[in-house]
Amino acid sequence: MHSILNRPVSVLVLHLTVLALAVFALSRVPVELAPEMDFPRLSIATMWQGASSEMVARSITLPVEEAASSLEGVKRISSRSSEGQSIVNVELQKDVNVDFVRLELMEKLSALADRLPPGASFPVLEKYVPEDFRELQGFLSYNLYGNMSLSEIQAYAEEHIKPALIAINGVGAVRILGGAERQIYILLDRHKMESMGISIGEILSAINGAQQNAPAGTIQVSDIRQYVFVGNVLNNANELNEIFIRNQSGAFFKLKEFARVVDSIAAPRSIVRINGTPSVTLEIDKQPGSNML
């Protein structure tokens, strides 16, 4: 001990080395801001195979939301209606008796079962694990709603919020749910196409050759539906109408001569509501092994 005290420089170097190693080790330890906790939340899942998201929202999600909103101690209700599935999440006040509320909600769902459409499953009530604390997929989510339309909110999220989130170190992916997507429909006249000698393949080739490849629309002939690409070069229905299509004989016709182009909004793949208000949800995935902090 005496010999060590006689070497103050060596002792100082040793302490600094240990401190540096401790700081390095601490920086390598993954830190999570909040561990998983048992929050007072419930989730109601109902299946309806083959139904569109709009049918699910109207015939299942809305009645379930109304039943849940009538309970005492409910703080917030959020929902997601997608093709064939309805998910309603019920957040409760912290001081409520969760078991009592769960039993009461089960009674209301049992009474609601007779009002559900034929083919829909009985609503399944489970504890809800918040997306904010899932290990990877959707470990954090934000709901956007306000005075703007859903299409405006989605456009803002796509152009400003999503790029900023993806640029953050550790973010694996960002999904936007519940918005209204633009859809361009091309409704073809089969008889005019036959008289002009034009096939669907020739239409697809002309459209794809006129613009950048970006999925955007649907081409529809009677009961046949095929996907086409309408990208950044073709911004509206008028530009698409002016495209020239060459038939097998070498003659040219404009698309508008045998088709009607409709610039519209696609049927939503999912519908998200917060306390009954339509909203857009941003779901954020973290990269495997990344730090939540």
Protein backbone atom coordinates (compact mmCIF):
# COMPACT_ATOMS: atom_id res chain seq x y z
CA MET A 1 0.00 0.00 0.00
CA HIS A 2 2.81 2.40 0.91
CA SER A 3 4.55 1.76 -2.41
CA ILE A 4 1.33 2.55 -4.29
CA LEU A 5 0.86 5.84 -2.44
CA ASN A 6 4.38 6.81 -3.43
CA ARG A 7 3.35 6.59 -7.12
CA PRO A 8 0.54 9.14 -7.52
CA VAL A 9 0.97 9.37 -11.31
CA SER A 10 0.48 5.61 -11.73
CA VAL A 11 -2.59 5.68 -9.48
CA LEU A 12 -4.08 8.55 -11.51
CA VAL A 13 -3.45 6.72 -14.80
CA LEU A 14 -5.06 3.56 -13.37
CA HIS A 15 -8.17 5.49 -12.25
CA LEU A 16 -8.52 7.21 -15.62
CA THR A 17 -8.18 3.87 -17.41
CA VAL A 18 -10.90 2.29 -15.25
CA LEU A 19 -13.15 5.32 -15.77
CA ALA A 20 -12.67 5.20 -19.53
CA LEU A 21 -13.49 1.50 -19.62
CA ALA A 22 -16.61 2.12 -17.54
CA VAL A 23 -17.81 4.90 -19.86
CA PHE A 24 -17.17 2.69 -22.91
CA ALA A 25 -19.04 -0.25 -21.37
CA LEU A 26 -21.96 1.99 -20.43
CA SER A 27 -22.27 3.27 -23.98
CA ARG A 28 -22.53 -0.30 -25.25
CA VAL A 29 -25.44 -1.24 -22.97
CA PRO A 30 -28.84 -0.97 -24.73
CA VAL A 31 -31.13 1.43 -22.90
CA GLU A 32 -34.91 1.47 -23.18
CA LEU A 33 -36.82 4.49 -21.98
CA ALA A 34 -39.67 2.43 -20.59
CA PRO A 35 -40.05 -1.30 -19.96
CA GLU A 36 -43.20 -3.19 -20.84
CA MET A 37 -45.93 -2.59 -18.28
CA ASP A 38 -49.41 -3.94 -17.69
CA PHE A 39 -51.47 -0.94 -18.74
CA PRO A 40 -55.23 -0.86 -18.13
CA ARG A 41 -56.19 -1.37 -21.76
CA LEU A 42 -58.39 -3.84 -23.61
CA SER A 43 -58.47 -4.91 -27.25
CA ILE A 44 -61.52 -6.18 -29.17
CA ALA A 45 -60.84 -8.17 -32.36
CA THR A 46 -63.60 -9.17 -34.80
CA MET A 47 -63.12 -11.01 -38.10
CA TRP A 48 -65.35 -10.78 -41.19
CA GLN A 49 -63.77 -12.64 -44.06
CA GLY A 50 -64.16 -11.06 -47.49
CA ALA A 51 -65.49 -7.71 -46.25
CA SER A 52 -63.89 -4.43 -47.35
CA SER A 53 -62.43 -2.02 -44.82
CA GLU A 54 -65.37 0.36 -45.29
CA MET A 55 -67.92 -2.43 -44.63
CA VAL A 56 -65.96 -3.53 -41.56
CA ALA A 57 -65.82 0.04 -40.22
CA ARG A 58 -69.53 0.65 -40.73
CA SER A 59 -70.98 -2.70 -39.64
CA ILE A 60 -68.54 -3.85 -36.94
CA THR A 61 -66.10 -1.20 -35.73
CA LEU A 62 -68.64 1.57 -35.20
CA PRO A 63 -71.08 -0.56 -33.11
CA VAL A 64 -68.19 -1.91 -31.01
CA GLU A 65 -66.90 1.63 -30.45
CA GLU A 66 -70.37 2.75 -29.34
CA ALA A 67 -70.64 -0.16 -26.91
CA ALA A 68 -67.20 0.56 -25.41
CA SER A 69 -67.77 4.32 -25.14
CA SER A 70 -70.80 3.75 -22.91
CA LEU A 71 -68.65 2.23 -20.15
CA GLU A 72 -67.52 4.15 -17.09
CA GLY A 73 -63.79 4.79 -16.81
CA VAL A 74 -62.99 4.83 -20.54
CA LYS A 75 -60.30 7.37 -21.35
CA ARG A 76 -59.70 6.85 -25.06
CA ILE A 77 -60.89 4.60 -27.88
CA SER A 78 -58.89 3.94 -31.04
CA SER A 79 -59.70 1.55 -33.87
CA ARG A 80 -58.38 0.11 -37.10
CA SER A 81 -60.64 -1.35 -39.77
CA SER A 82 -58.95 -3.31 -42.52
CA GLU A 83 -60.09 -5.91 -45.03
CA GLY A 84 -61.77 -8.68 -43.04
CA GLN A 85 -60.70 -7.42 -39.61
CA SER A 86 -61.73 -4.90 -36.96
CA ILE A 87 -59.51 -3.96 -34.01
CA VAL A 88 -60.83 -1.62 -31.31
CA ASN A 89 -58.48 -0.60 -28.49
CA VAL A 90 -59.99 0.75 -25.27
CA GLU A 91 -57.75 2.73 -22.89
CA LEU A 92 -59.05 2.96 -19.34
CA GLN A 93 -58.54 5.42 -16.53
CA LYS A 94 -55.75 4.39 -14.13
CA ASP A 95 -57.99 4.08 -11.09
CA VAL A 96 -60.72 1.84 -12.59
CA ASN A 97 -61.28 -1.82 -11.74
CA VAL A 98 -60.08 -3.44 -14.97
CA ASP A 99 -61.66 -6.82 -14.23
CA PHE A 100 -65.05 -5.22 -13.59
CA VAL A 101 -64.85 -3.16 -16.80
CA ARG A 102 -63.83 -6.24 -18.75
CA LEU A 103 -66.85 -8.19 -17.52
CA GLU A 104 -69.16 -5.28 -18.29
CA LEU A 105 -67.72 -4.95 -21.77
CA MET A 106 -68.12 -8.69 -22.38
CA GLU A 107 -71.82 -8.36 -21.53
CA LYS A 108 -72.22 -5.51 -24.02
CA LEU A 109 -70.39 -7.46 -26.73
CA SER A 110 -72.63 -10.47 -26.11
CA ALA A 111 -75.70 -8.27 -26.58
CA LEU A 112 -74.10 -6.79 -29.72
CA ALA A 113 -73.44 -10.17 -31.35
CA ASP A 114 -76.97 -10.42 -32.82
CA ARG A 115 -76.52 -7.07 -34.59
CA LEU A 116 -73.30 -8.08 -36.35
CA PRO A 117 -73.51 -9.04 -40.05
CA PRO A 118 -73.80 -12.72 -41.04
CA GLY A 119 -70.37 -14.32 -41.32
CA ALA A 120 -68.70 -12.05 -38.77
CA SER A 121 -66.97 -13.76 -35.86
CA PHE A 122 -67.88 -13.14 -32.24
CA PRO A 123 -65.78 -10.24 -30.86
CA VAL A 124 -62.76 -11.49 -28.93
CA LEU A 125 -61.77 -9.42 -25.89
CA GLU A 126 -58.14 -9.49 -24.80
CA LYS A 127 -55.63 -7.46 -22.86
CA TYR A 128 -54.07 -4.86 -25.09
CA VAL A 129 -50.25 -4.58 -25.28
CA PRO A 130 -49.55 -1.01 -26.48
CA GLU A 131 -47.71 -0.75 -29.77
CA ASP A 132 -45.36 1.79 -28.18
CA PHE A 133 -43.62 -0.98 -26.27
CA ARG A 134 -43.44 -3.81 -28.74
CA GLU A 135 -39.95 -5.18 -29.26
CA LEU A 136 -39.56 -4.35 -32.92
CA GLN A 137 -42.62 -3.95 -35.08
CA GLY A 138 -44.58 -0.83 -34.35
CA PHE A 139 -42.69 -0.08 -31.13
CA LEU A 140 -43.92 3.50 -31.42
CA SER A 141 -46.96 5.03 -33.12
CA TYR A 142 -48.44 8.49 -33.63
CA ASN A 143 -52.00 9.39 -34.59
CA LEU A 144 -52.58 12.45 -36.76
CA TYR A 145 -55.97 14.12 -37.04
CA GLY A 146 -57.33 17.63 -37.27
CA ASN A 147 -59.23 20.07 -39.47
CA MET A 148 -57.61 18.90 -42.72
CA SER A 149 -58.97 16.09 -44.87
CA LEU A 150 -57.48 12.60 -44.56
CA SER A 151 -55.82 12.94 -47.97
CA GLU A 152 -54.16 16.22 -46.89
CA ILE A 153 -53.02 14.71 -43.60
CA GLN A 154 -51.61 11.67 -45.39
CA ALA A 155 -49.83 13.83 -47.97
CA TYR A 156 -48.24 15.91 -45.20
CA ALA A 157 -47.14 12.75 -43.37
CA GLU A 158 -45.69 11.26 -46.58
CA GLU A 159 -43.83 14.43 -47.62
CA HIS A 160 -42.61 15.80 -44.28
CA ILE A 161 -42.96 13.47 -41.29
CA LYS A 162 -42.03 10.08 -42.79
CA PRO A 163 -38.73 11.21 -44.40
CA ALA A 164 -37.66 12.88 -41.15
CA LEU A 165 -38.40 9.74 -39.12
CA ILE A 166 -36.63 7.38 -41.55
CA ALA A 167 -33.52 9.56 -41.31
CA ILE A 168 -33.26 8.91 -37.55
CA ASN A 169 -30.59 6.38 -36.62
CA GLY A 170 -32.16 3.11 -35.43
CA VAL A 171 -35.50 3.52 -37.23
CA GLY A 172 -36.10 0.48 -39.45
CA ALA A 173 -39.33 1.41 -41.21
CA VAL A 174 -42.28 3.81 -41.08
CA ARG A 175 -45.79 2.83 -42.17
CA ILE A 176 -48.74 5.16 -42.78
CA LEU A 177 -52.18 3.68 -42.10
CA GLY A 178 -55.72 4.95 -42.44
CA GLY A 179 -55.17 7.62 -45.05
CA ALA A 180 -56.85 8.24 -48.40
CA GLU A 181 -54.68 7.24 -51.36
CA ARG A 182 -55.00 8.70 -54.84
CA GLN A 183 -56.17 6.24 -57.50
CA ILE A 184 -56.42 6.73 -61.26
CA TYR A 185 -58.92 4.44 -62.98
CA ILE A 186 -58.89 3.83 -66.72
CA LEU A 187 -62.29 2.54 -67.86
CA LEU A 188 -61.97 0.99 -71.30
CA ASP A 189 -64.64 0.52 -73.96
CA ARG A 190 -64.14 -3.06 -75.14
CA HIS A 191 -66.08 -2.59 -78.41
CA LYS A 192 -64.10 0.51 -79.46
CA MET A 193 -60.84 -1.27 -78.61
CA GLU A 194 -61.77 -4.21 -80.86
CA SER A 195 -62.76 -1.94 -83.74
CA MET A 196 -59.47 -0.02 -83.46
CA GLY A 197 -57.41 -3.19 -83.07
CA ILE A 198 -55.98 -2.21 -79.69
CA SER A 199 -55.12 -4.69 -76.93
CA ILE A 200 -54.62 -4.17 -73.21
CA GLY A 201 -50.94 -5.02 -73.60
CA GLU A 202 -50.45 -2.16 -76.05
CA ILE A 203 -52.15 0.24 -73.64
CA LEU A 204 -49.90 -0.88 -70.78
CA SER A 205 -46.79 -0.49 -72.91
CA ALA A 206 -47.75 3.03 -73.99
CA ILE A 207 -48.50 4.18 -70.45
CA ASN A 208 -45.37 2.62 -68.95
CA GLY A 209 -43.26 4.14 -71.71
CA ALA A 210 -44.61 7.64 -71.06
CA GLN A 211 -43.75 7.93 -67.39
CA GLN A 212 -41.59 6.87 -64.49
CA ASN A 213 -42.40 3.50 -62.94
CA ALA A 214 -44.46 4.09 -59.81
CA PRO A 215 -47.54 2.04 -58.88
CA ALA A 216 -50.65 4.19 -58.81
CA GLY A 217 -53.72 2.97 -60.63
CA THR A 218 -56.06 0.29 -61.89
CA ILE A 219 -57.04 -0.46 -65.46
CA GLN A 220 -60.49 -2.02 -65.69
CA VAL A 221 -62.24 -3.79 -68.55
CA SER A 222 -65.62 -5.28 -67.68
CA ASP A 223 -64.89 -7.91 -65.00
CA ILE A 224 -61.14 -8.01 -65.72
CA ARG A 225 -58.88 -5.85 -63.58
CA GLN A 226 -55.16 -5.32 -64.17
CA TYR A 227 -52.65 -3.01 -62.49
CA VAL A 228 -50.91 -0.26 -64.44
CA PHE A 229 -48.32 2.35 -63.51
CA VAL A 230 -49.06 6.04 -63.48
CA GLY A 231 -46.06 7.93 -62.13
CA ASN A 232 -44.67 11.42 -61.74
CA VAL A 233 -44.67 12.35 -65.43
CA LEU A 234 -48.43 11.88 -65.73
CA ASN A 235 -49.89 14.05 -62.99
CA ASN A 236 -53.57 14.09 -63.89
CA ALA A 237 -56.31 12.55 -65.99
CA ASN A 238 -55.95 15.13 -68.79
CA GLU A 239 -52.30 14.20 -69.43
CA LEU A 240 -53.19 10.52 -69.46
CA ASN A 241 -56.03 11.13 -71.94
CA GLU A 242 -53.55 12.53 -74.49
CA ILE A 243 -51.31 9.47 -74.63
CA PHE A 244 -51.05 7.90 -78.09
CA ILE A 245 -51.63 4.15 -78.38
CA ARG A 246 -50.28 2.32 -81.44
CA ASN A 247 -52.27 -0.68 -82.66
CA GLN A 248 -50.95 -3.77 -84.42
CA SER A 249 -51.33 -2.13 -87.85
CA GLY A 250 -49.24 0.88 -86.87
CA ALA A 251 -52.13 3.37 -86.54
CA PHE A 252 -52.21 5.75 -83.56
CA PHE A 253 -55.17 6.60 -81.34
CA LYS A 254 -55.42 8.76 -78.25
CA LEU A 255 -56.44 7.01 -75.05
CA LYS A 256 -59.47 9.28 -74.67
CA GLU A 257 -60.88 7.94 -77.96
CA PHE A 258 -61.73 4.58 -76.40
CA ALA A 259 -61.36 5.07 -72.64
CA ARG A 260 -62.47 7.26 -69.74
CA VAL A 261 -59.87 8.28 -67.17
CA VAL A 262 -61.06 8.93 -63.62
CA ASP A 263 -58.76 10.63 -61.08
CA SER A 264 -60.17 9.45 -57.77
CA ILE A 265 -59.48 8.25 -54.23
CA ALA A 266 -58.89 4.54 -53.70
CA ALA A 267 -60.99 2.51 -51.29
CA PRO A 268 -58.98 2.58 -48.04
CA ARG A 269 -57.13 -0.59 -47.05
CA SER A 270 -57.49 0.38 -43.41
CA ILE A 271 -59.56 2.92 -41.47
CA VAL A 272 -58.19 4.40 -38.23
CA ARG A 273 -60.32 6.39 -35.77
CA ILE A 274 -59.47 8.14 -32.49
CA ASN A 275 -62.53 8.69 -30.30
CA GLY A 276 -64.64 8.40 -33.44
CA THR A 277 -62.56 10.88 -35.48
CA PRO A 278 -60.92 9.54 -38.69
CA SER A 279 -57.14 9.77 -38.42
CA VAL A 280 -53.84 8.74 -39.98
CA THR A 281 -51.48 6.53 -37.98
CA LEU A 282 -47.69 6.50 -38.28
CA GLU A 283 -46.21 3.16 -37.15
CA ILE A 284 -42.45 3.14 -36.51
CA ASP A 285 -40.30 0.00 -36.46
CA LYS A 286 -36.90 0.00 -34.86
CA GLN A 287 -33.94 -1.82 -36.36
CA PRO A 288 -32.95 -5.11 -34.65
CA GLY A 289 -30.46 -4.47 -31.87
CA SER A 290 -30.92 -0.72 -32.00
CA ASN A 291 -31.31 1.45 -28.95
CA MET A 292 -34.80 2.78 -28.09
CA LEU A 293 -33.19 5.89 -26.60
